[in-house]
Amino acid sequence: MYLTMYEDTHETLIHNYCLSEKKMRYVREPKIATALIKKDPLRHAILAFEGDYLVAFLTLYEANGGSFYSTNKNCLLVQDLSTDYRHLRNGYVQQAVQLLPAFVRQQFPTIDELMIIVNEDQAFTKVLCKEAGFQNIYSELPDIYGSQVFLQILL
């Protein structure tokens, strides 16, 4: 498996990416997320490939300290983490999350923190991210944000 930055040549793969209806309640579809990155230079789409297959997707957001989630100007927020529905239960998201710190160090050398905010499938996602080195951190957000788990890794 390898990670790569989104390019316009990936457009067909993005439009063919399938999410379950449940997952679409919690993450943006890749075609919506890639439309946002084209308008916002602080957003980046990352694609995970197994061979020729796009199997997982995520976005990174440079909050520059202007987020409820982190005041660190060198933090990237991991968002929209998903597996293509046709490739579920093969461990692809776990592999992508494990590759992510090294990928970020290479692509974003000034970044020293990654943060994932988990809104759903908390038990599964917490285990997945902790296996990749993320730590559960405490954060005080208003209740309007619902039940969230904050996972962080320092690079």
N, C-alpha and C. Protein backbone atom coordinates (compact mmCIF):
# COMPACT_ATOMS: atom_id res chain seq x y z
N MET A 1 0.84 -1.19 0.00
CA MET A 1 0.00 0.00 0.00
C MET A 1 0.88 1.24 0.00
N TYR A 2 0.37 2.29 -0.64
CA TYR A 2 1.07 3.56 -0.60
C TYR A 2 0.06 4.70 -0.55
N LEU A 3 0.53 5.84 -0.02
CA LEU A 3 -0.28 7.06 0.05
C LEU A 3 0.23 8.04 -0.99
N THR A 4 -0.67 8.83 -1.53
CA THR A 4 -0.29 9.86 -2.48
C THR A 4 -1.23 11.05 -2.35
N MET A 5 -0.73 12.21 -2.71
CA MET A 5 -1.56 13.42 -2.73
C MET A 5 -2.52 13.34 -3.91
N TYR A 6 -3.71 13.87 -3.73
CA TYR A 6 -4.70 13.92 -4.80
C TYR A 6 -4.21 14.81 -5.93
N GLU A 7 -4.45 14.36 -7.15
CA GLU A 7 -4.20 15.14 -8.36
C GLU A 7 -5.44 15.03 -9.24
N ASP A 8 -5.60 15.95 -10.17
CA ASP A 8 -6.77 15.92 -11.05
C ASP A 8 -6.86 14.62 -11.85
N THR A 9 -5.74 13.95 -12.08
CA THR A 9 -5.77 12.68 -12.81
C THR A 9 -6.49 11.58 -12.04
N HIS A 10 -6.74 11.80 -10.75
CA HIS A 10 -7.45 10.81 -9.92
C HIS A 10 -8.97 11.02 -9.94
N GLU A 11 -9.45 12.00 -10.68
CA GLU A 11 -10.87 12.38 -10.64
C GLU A 11 -11.82 11.20 -10.88
N THR A 12 -11.56 10.37 -11.86
CA THR A 12 -12.45 9.23 -12.14
C THR A 12 -12.48 8.27 -10.97
N LEU A 13 -11.34 8.01 -10.37
CA LEU A 13 -11.29 7.13 -9.21
C LEU A 13 -12.10 7.70 -8.05
N ILE A 14 -12.01 9.00 -7.86
CA ILE A 14 -12.75 9.66 -6.79
C ILE A 14 -14.26 9.55 -7.03
N HIS A 15 -14.69 9.75 -8.25
CA HIS A 15 -16.13 9.67 -8.55
C HIS A 15 -16.67 8.25 -8.45
N ASN A 16 -15.80 7.26 -8.56
CA ASN A 16 -16.23 5.86 -8.45
C ASN A 16 -16.10 5.31 -7.03
N TYR A 17 -15.59 6.10 -6.10
CA TYR A 17 -15.38 5.68 -4.71
C TYR A 17 -16.74 5.54 -4.04
N CYS A 18 -16.95 4.44 -3.31
CA CYS A 18 -18.24 4.16 -2.68
C CYS A 18 -18.13 4.18 -1.16
N LEU A 19 -19.03 4.91 -0.53
CA LEU A 19 -19.16 4.91 0.93
C LEU A 19 -20.50 4.27 1.30
N SER A 20 -20.53 3.64 2.47
CA SER A 20 -21.81 3.13 2.97
C SER A 20 -22.66 4.32 3.39
N GLU A 21 -23.97 4.11 3.45
CA GLU A 21 -24.85 5.20 3.88
C GLU A 21 -24.52 5.63 5.31
N LYS A 22 -24.18 4.67 6.16
CA LYS A 22 -23.83 5.01 7.54
C LYS A 22 -22.60 5.92 7.57
N LYS A 23 -21.58 5.56 6.80
CA LYS A 23 -20.34 6.34 6.80
C LYS A 23 -20.59 7.75 6.27
N MET A 24 -21.50 7.90 5.31
CA MET A 24 -21.76 9.22 4.74
C MET A 24 -22.38 10.18 5.76
N ARG A 25 -22.88 9.65 6.89
CA ARG A 25 -23.40 10.52 7.94
C ARG A 25 -22.27 11.20 8.70
N TYR A 26 -21.06 10.66 8.62
CA TYR A 26 -19.95 11.14 9.44
C TYR A 26 -18.79 11.75 8.67
N VAL A 27 -18.65 11.41 7.41
CA VAL A 27 -17.54 11.95 6.61
C VAL A 27 -18.07 12.48 5.28
N ARG A 28 -17.33 13.40 4.72
CA ARG A 28 -17.68 13.90 3.39
C ARG A 28 -17.31 12.85 2.35
N GLU A 29 -18.13 12.76 1.32
CA GLU A 29 -17.76 11.91 0.20
C GLU A 29 -16.49 12.47 -0.43
N PRO A 30 -15.61 11.62 -0.93
CA PRO A 30 -14.38 12.12 -1.55
C PRO A 30 -14.61 13.15 -2.66
N LYS A 31 -15.67 12.99 -3.45
CA LYS A 31 -15.89 13.97 -4.52
C LYS A 31 -16.25 15.34 -3.95
N ILE A 32 -16.92 15.38 -2.80
CA ILE A 32 -17.21 16.66 -2.14
C ILE A 32 -15.94 17.22 -1.50
N ALA A 33 -15.18 16.34 -0.85
CA ALA A 33 -13.94 16.77 -0.19
C ALA A 33 -12.93 17.31 -1.21
N THR A 34 -12.83 16.67 -2.37
CA THR A 34 -11.87 17.15 -3.37
C THR A 34 -12.34 18.48 -3.98
N ALA A 35 -13.64 18.68 -4.06
CA ALA A 35 -14.13 19.99 -4.52
C ALA A 35 -13.73 21.08 -3.53
N LEU A 36 -13.77 20.76 -2.24
CA LEU A 36 -13.35 21.73 -1.21
C LEU A 36 -11.86 22.04 -1.28
N ILE A 37 -11.04 21.02 -1.54
CA ILE A 37 -9.59 21.28 -1.57
C ILE A 37 -9.20 22.17 -2.74
N LYS A 38 -9.99 22.13 -3.79
CA LYS A 38 -9.70 22.98 -4.94
C LYS A 38 -9.96 24.46 -4.62
N LYS A 39 -10.80 24.71 -3.61
CA LYS A 39 -11.13 26.08 -3.21
C LYS A 39 -10.33 26.55 -2.01
N ASP A 40 -9.75 25.63 -1.26
CA ASP A 40 -9.09 25.98 0.00
C ASP A 40 -7.68 25.39 0.02
N PRO A 41 -6.65 26.21 -0.12
CA PRO A 41 -5.28 25.69 -0.15
C PRO A 41 -4.81 25.09 1.17
N LEU A 42 -5.59 25.24 2.24
CA LEU A 42 -5.22 24.64 3.52
C LEU A 42 -5.74 23.21 3.66
N ARG A 43 -6.49 22.74 2.68
CA ARG A 43 -7.02 21.37 2.69
C ARG A 43 -6.27 20.53 1.66
N HIS A 44 -6.03 19.28 2.03
CA HIS A 44 -5.28 18.36 1.16
C HIS A 44 -5.95 17.00 1.19
N ALA A 45 -6.15 16.40 0.04
CA ALA A 45 -6.72 15.06 -0.04
C ALA A 45 -5.59 14.05 -0.21
N ILE A 46 -5.70 12.97 0.55
CA ILE A 46 -4.70 11.90 0.51
C ILE A 46 -5.42 10.62 0.08
N LEU A 47 -4.85 9.94 -0.89
CA LEU A 47 -5.42 8.71 -1.40
C LEU A 47 -4.52 7.54 -1.01
N ALA A 48 -5.15 6.43 -0.62
CA ALA A 48 -4.42 5.21 -0.28
C ALA A 48 -4.71 4.18 -1.36
N PHE A 49 -3.65 3.69 -1.97
CA PHE A 49 -3.78 2.70 -3.04
C PHE A 49 -3.20 1.37 -2.60
N GLU A 50 -3.90 0.32 -3.00
CA GLU A 50 -3.37 -1.04 -2.91
C GLU A 50 -3.28 -1.50 -4.35
N GLY A 51 -2.06 -1.55 -4.87
CA GLY A 51 -1.89 -1.79 -6.30
C GLY A 51 -2.52 -0.65 -7.08
N ASP A 52 -3.40 -0.99 -8.01
CA ASP A 52 -4.08 0.03 -8.82
C ASP A 52 -5.40 0.49 -8.22
N TYR A 53 -5.78 -0.07 -7.07
CA TYR A 53 -7.09 0.22 -6.48
C TYR A 53 -7.02 1.32 -5.43
N LEU A 54 -7.89 2.31 -5.57
CA LEU A 54 -8.07 3.32 -4.53
C LEU A 54 -8.92 2.68 -3.44
N VAL A 55 -8.32 2.43 -2.27
CA VAL A 55 -9.01 1.68 -1.23
C VAL A 55 -9.39 2.53 -0.02
N ALA A 56 -8.71 3.65 0.18
CA ALA A 56 -9.02 4.50 1.34
C ALA A 56 -8.75 5.96 0.97
N PHE A 57 -9.35 6.85 1.74
CA PHE A 57 -9.30 8.28 1.45
C PHE A 57 -9.32 9.04 2.76
N LEU A 58 -8.63 10.18 2.78
CA LEU A 58 -8.70 11.07 3.93
C LEU A 58 -8.30 12.47 3.48
N THR A 59 -8.64 13.44 4.30
CA THR A 59 -8.18 14.80 4.04
C THR A 59 -7.39 15.29 5.24
N LEU A 60 -6.50 16.23 4.96
CA LEU A 60 -5.72 16.89 6.00
C LEU A 60 -6.04 18.38 5.92
N TYR A 61 -6.24 18.97 7.09
CA TYR A 61 -6.57 20.39 7.14
C TYR A 61 -5.54 21.11 8.00
N GLU A 62 -4.93 22.13 7.41
CA GLU A 62 -3.97 22.97 8.13
C GLU A 62 -4.75 24.02 8.91
N ALA A 63 -4.98 23.76 10.18
CA ALA A 63 -5.80 24.67 10.98
C ALA A 63 -5.04 25.93 11.36
N ASN A 64 -3.73 25.90 11.31
CA ASN A 64 -2.90 27.07 11.64
C ASN A 64 -3.24 27.68 13.00
N GLY A 65 -3.60 26.83 13.94
CA GLY A 65 -3.91 27.31 15.28
C GLY A 65 -5.28 27.91 15.42
N GLY A 66 -6.03 27.98 14.35
CA GLY A 66 -7.34 28.60 14.39
C GLY A 66 -8.48 27.61 14.42
N SER A 67 -8.39 26.62 15.30
CA SER A 67 -9.39 25.58 15.37
C SER A 67 -9.78 25.32 16.82
N PHE A 68 -11.00 24.86 17.02
CA PHE A 68 -11.42 24.43 18.36
C PHE A 68 -10.57 23.24 18.81
N TYR A 69 -10.03 22.50 17.86
CA TYR A 69 -9.37 21.24 18.16
C TYR A 69 -7.90 21.37 18.53
N SER A 70 -7.23 22.39 18.04
CA SER A 70 -5.81 22.55 18.34
C SER A 70 -5.39 24.00 18.15
N THR A 71 -4.57 24.49 19.06
CA THR A 71 -4.02 25.84 18.91
C THR A 71 -2.61 25.79 18.32
N ASN A 72 -2.12 24.59 18.04
CA ASN A 72 -0.80 24.41 17.46
C ASN A 72 -0.83 24.83 15.99
N LYS A 73 0.00 25.79 15.62
CA LYS A 73 0.04 26.26 14.23
C LYS A 73 0.65 25.24 13.28
N ASN A 74 1.29 24.21 13.82
CA ASN A 74 1.92 23.18 13.00
C ASN A 74 1.18 21.85 13.10
N CYS A 75 -0.13 21.93 13.27
CA CYS A 75 -0.97 20.74 13.41
C CYS A 75 -1.81 20.53 12.15
N LEU A 76 -1.92 19.29 11.74
CA LEU A 76 -2.85 18.92 10.67
C LEU A 76 -3.99 18.13 11.29
N LEU A 77 -5.21 18.49 10.94
CA LEU A 77 -6.37 17.73 11.36
C LEU A 77 -6.68 16.69 10.30
N VAL A 78 -6.80 15.44 10.71
CA VAL A 78 -7.14 14.35 9.81
C VAL A 78 -8.66 14.27 9.77
N GLN A 79 -9.22 14.35 8.57
CA GLN A 79 -10.67 14.35 8.40
C GLN A 79 -11.06 13.39 7.29
N ASP A 80 -12.33 13.06 7.24
CA ASP A 80 -12.92 12.29 6.13
C ASP A 80 -12.27 10.92 5.93
N LEU A 81 -11.78 10.33 6.98
CA LEU A 81 -11.10 9.03 6.91
C LEU A 81 -12.12 7.94 6.57
N SER A 82 -11.88 7.24 5.46
CA SER A 82 -12.84 6.22 5.04
C SER A 82 -12.16 5.15 4.20
N THR A 83 -12.87 4.04 4.07
CA THR A 83 -12.50 2.95 3.17
C THR A 83 -13.57 2.85 2.10
N ASP A 84 -13.17 2.61 0.87
CA ASP A 84 -14.14 2.33 -0.18
C ASP A 84 -14.95 1.10 0.26
N TYR A 85 -16.26 1.20 0.16
CA TYR A 85 -17.16 0.15 0.63
C TYR A 85 -16.80 -1.23 0.08
N ARG A 86 -16.31 -1.28 -1.14
CA ARG A 86 -15.97 -2.56 -1.79
C ARG A 86 -14.70 -3.17 -1.23
N HIS A 87 -13.97 -2.42 -0.40
CA HIS A 87 -12.70 -2.91 0.15
C HIS A 87 -12.70 -2.95 1.67
N LEU A 88 -13.89 -2.95 2.27
CA LEU A 88 -13.98 -3.00 3.73
C LEU A 88 -13.40 -4.30 4.29
N ARG A 89 -12.96 -4.23 5.53
CA ARG A 89 -12.50 -5.37 6.31
C ARG A 89 -11.24 -6.03 5.76
N ASN A 90 -10.42 -5.23 5.11
CA ASN A 90 -9.12 -5.70 4.64
C ASN A 90 -7.96 -5.00 5.34
N GLY A 91 -8.27 -4.15 6.31
CA GLY A 91 -7.24 -3.46 7.07
C GLY A 91 -6.62 -2.27 6.36
N TYR A 92 -7.26 -1.77 5.32
CA TYR A 92 -6.66 -0.69 4.54
C TYR A 92 -6.59 0.63 5.30
N VAL A 93 -7.61 0.97 6.07
CA VAL A 93 -7.55 2.22 6.84
C VAL A 93 -6.47 2.11 7.90
N GLN A 94 -6.36 0.96 8.53
CA GLN A 94 -5.31 0.77 9.53
C GLN A 94 -3.93 0.97 8.91
N GLN A 95 -3.71 0.39 7.74
CA GLN A 95 -2.42 0.57 7.06
C GLN A 95 -2.20 2.03 6.69
N ALA A 96 -3.24 2.69 6.20
CA ALA A 96 -3.11 4.10 5.81
C ALA A 96 -2.75 4.96 7.01
N VAL A 97 -3.41 4.72 8.15
CA VAL A 97 -3.13 5.49 9.36
C VAL A 97 -1.70 5.23 9.84
N GLN A 98 -1.23 4.01 9.69
CA GLN A 98 0.14 3.69 10.10
C GLN A 98 1.17 4.36 9.19
N LEU A 99 0.85 4.50 7.90
CA LEU A 99 1.76 5.15 6.96
C LEU A 99 1.72 6.68 7.06
N LEU A 100 0.66 7.20 7.63
CA LEU A 100 0.42 8.64 7.61
C LEU A 100 1.52 9.48 8.27
N PRO A 101 2.02 9.15 9.46
CA PRO A 101 3.06 10.02 10.05
C PRO A 101 4.30 10.19 9.16
N ALA A 102 4.79 9.11 8.59
CA ALA A 102 5.97 9.22 7.71
C ALA A 102 5.63 10.01 6.45
N PHE A 103 4.45 9.80 5.90
CA PHE A 103 4.01 10.53 4.72
C PHE A 103 3.94 12.03 5.01
N VAL A 104 3.38 12.39 6.16
CA VAL A 104 3.25 13.81 6.53
C VAL A 104 4.63 14.42 6.75
N ARG A 105 5.53 13.70 7.40
CA ARG A 105 6.89 14.23 7.59
C ARG A 105 7.54 14.56 6.25
N GLN A 106 7.29 13.73 5.25
CA GLN A 106 7.89 13.93 3.93
C GLN A 106 7.21 15.08 3.17
N GLN A 107 5.89 15.12 3.19
CA GLN A 107 5.14 16.10 2.40
C GLN A 107 4.97 17.46 3.09
N PHE A 108 4.97 17.45 4.43
CA PHE A 108 4.73 18.67 5.21
C PHE A 108 5.80 18.76 6.30
N PRO A 109 7.02 19.10 5.96
CA PRO A 109 8.12 19.03 6.93
C PRO A 109 7.98 19.94 8.15
N THR A 110 7.15 20.96 8.10
CA THR A 110 7.00 21.85 9.26
C THR A 110 5.93 21.36 10.24
N ILE A 111 5.18 20.35 9.87
CA ILE A 111 4.10 19.83 10.73
C ILE A 111 4.70 18.97 11.83
N ASP A 112 4.25 19.21 13.07
CA ASP A 112 4.77 18.42 14.20
C ASP A 112 3.66 17.73 14.99
N GLU A 113 2.42 17.80 14.48
CA GLU A 113 1.31 17.15 15.19
C GLU A 113 0.21 16.77 14.20
N LEU A 114 -0.34 15.58 14.38
CA LEU A 114 -1.53 15.15 13.66
C LEU A 114 -2.62 14.91 14.69
N MET A 115 -3.84 15.29 14.36
CA MET A 115 -4.95 15.06 15.27
C MET A 115 -6.12 14.48 14.49
N ILE A 116 -6.71 13.44 15.04
CA ILE A 116 -7.92 12.83 14.48
C ILE A 116 -9.03 13.03 15.49
N ILE A 117 -10.16 13.53 15.03
CA ILE A 117 -11.33 13.69 15.88
C ILE A 117 -12.33 12.62 15.45
N VAL A 118 -12.69 11.75 16.38
CA VAL A 118 -13.55 10.61 16.07
C VAL A 118 -14.96 10.90 16.56
N ASN A 119 -15.91 10.83 15.64
CA ASN A 119 -17.31 11.06 15.98
C ASN A 119 -18.13 9.77 16.01
N GLU A 120 -17.70 8.75 15.30
CA GLU A 120 -18.47 7.52 15.20
C GLU A 120 -17.54 6.33 15.26
N ASP A 121 -18.12 5.14 15.42
CA ASP A 121 -17.33 3.91 15.54
C ASP A 121 -16.16 4.13 16.49
N GLN A 122 -16.43 4.76 17.62
CA GLN A 122 -15.36 5.19 18.51
C GLN A 122 -14.46 4.05 18.98
N ALA A 123 -15.04 2.94 19.39
CA ALA A 123 -14.22 1.85 19.92
C ALA A 123 -13.26 1.34 18.85
N PHE A 124 -13.78 1.10 17.65
CA PHE A 124 -12.95 0.60 16.55
C PHE A 124 -11.88 1.61 16.16
N THR A 125 -12.28 2.85 15.96
CA THR A 125 -11.33 3.87 15.49
C THR A 125 -10.27 4.17 16.54
N LYS A 126 -10.65 4.18 17.81
CA LYS A 126 -9.66 4.42 18.87
C LYS A 126 -8.59 3.35 18.85
N VAL A 127 -8.99 2.09 18.73
CA VAL A 127 -8.01 0.99 18.69
C VAL A 127 -7.13 1.13 17.45
N LEU A 128 -7.75 1.38 16.32
CA LEU A 128 -7.03 1.53 15.06
C LEU A 128 -5.96 2.61 15.15
N CYS A 129 -6.32 3.77 15.65
CA CYS A 129 -5.39 4.89 15.72
C CYS A 129 -4.33 4.69 16.79
N LYS A 130 -4.69 4.09 17.91
CA LYS A 130 -3.70 3.85 18.95
C LYS A 130 -2.64 2.86 18.48
N GLU A 131 -3.03 1.88 17.66
CA GLU A 131 -2.05 0.95 17.10
C GLU A 131 -1.04 1.67 16.21
N ALA A 132 -1.44 2.80 15.64
CA ALA A 132 -0.55 3.58 14.78
C ALA A 132 0.24 4.62 15.57
N GLY A 133 0.05 4.67 16.89
CA GLY A 133 0.82 5.59 17.72
C GLY A 133 0.08 6.83 18.18
N PHE A 134 -1.19 6.97 17.83
CA PHE A 134 -1.97 8.10 18.30
C PHE A 134 -2.34 7.90 19.76
N GLN A 135 -2.40 9.00 20.50
CA GLN A 135 -2.75 8.97 21.92
C GLN A 135 -4.07 9.70 22.13
N ASN A 136 -4.88 9.17 23.05
CA ASN A 136 -6.13 9.82 23.41
C ASN A 136 -5.80 11.04 24.27
N ILE A 137 -6.34 12.20 23.91
CA ILE A 137 -6.09 13.41 24.69
C ILE A 137 -7.43 13.97 25.16
N TYR A 138 -7.37 14.73 26.21
CA TYR A 138 -8.57 15.35 26.76
C TYR A 138 -8.75 16.71 26.12
N SER A 139 -9.98 17.02 25.79
CA SER A 139 -10.28 18.34 25.26
C SER A 139 -11.66 18.76 25.74
N GLU A 140 -11.81 20.02 26.04
CA GLU A 140 -13.10 20.54 26.48
C GLU A 140 -13.75 21.30 25.34
N LEU A 141 -14.76 20.70 24.76
CA LEU A 141 -15.55 21.38 23.75
C LEU A 141 -16.99 21.46 24.24
N PRO A 142 -17.72 22.46 23.80
CA PRO A 142 -19.13 22.53 24.20
C PRO A 142 -19.88 21.27 23.78
N ASP A 143 -20.93 20.93 24.51
CA ASP A 143 -21.72 19.74 24.23
C ASP A 143 -22.35 19.74 22.84
N ILE A 144 -22.43 20.89 22.20
CA ILE A 144 -23.05 20.95 20.87
C ILE A 144 -22.29 20.09 19.87
N TYR A 145 -21.03 19.75 20.16
CA TYR A 145 -20.25 18.94 19.24
C TYR A 145 -20.51 17.45 19.43
N GLY A 146 -21.27 17.07 20.44
CA GLY A 146 -21.59 15.68 20.67
C GLY A 146 -20.41 14.92 21.24
N SER A 147 -20.53 13.62 21.21
CA SER A 147 -19.51 12.75 21.77
C SER A 147 -18.35 12.63 20.79
N GLN A 148 -17.20 13.11 21.18
CA GLN A 148 -16.03 13.06 20.31
C GLN A 148 -14.83 12.56 21.09
N VAL A 149 -13.96 11.86 20.40
CA VAL A 149 -12.70 11.41 20.97
C VAL A 149 -11.59 12.09 20.19
N PHE A 150 -10.60 12.63 20.89
CA PHE A 150 -9.49 13.34 20.27
C PHE A 150 -8.25 12.46 20.37
N LEU A 151 -7.67 12.14 19.22
CA LEU A 151 -6.46 11.33 19.17
C LEU A 151 -5.36 12.14 18.52
N GLN A 152 -4.18 12.09 19.10
CA GLN A 152 -3.08 12.95 18.66
C GLN A 152 -1.80 12.12 18.54
N ILE A 153 -0.96 12.50 17.57
CA ILE A 153 0.38 11.95 17.48
C ILE A 153 1.33 13.12 17.23
N LEU A 154 2.39 13.17 18.00
CA LEU A 154 3.41 14.20 17.80
C LEU A 154 4.45 13.64 16.85
N LEU A 155 4.83 14.43 15.87
CA LEU A 155 5.79 13.97 14.85
C LEU A 155 7.19 14.41 15.19
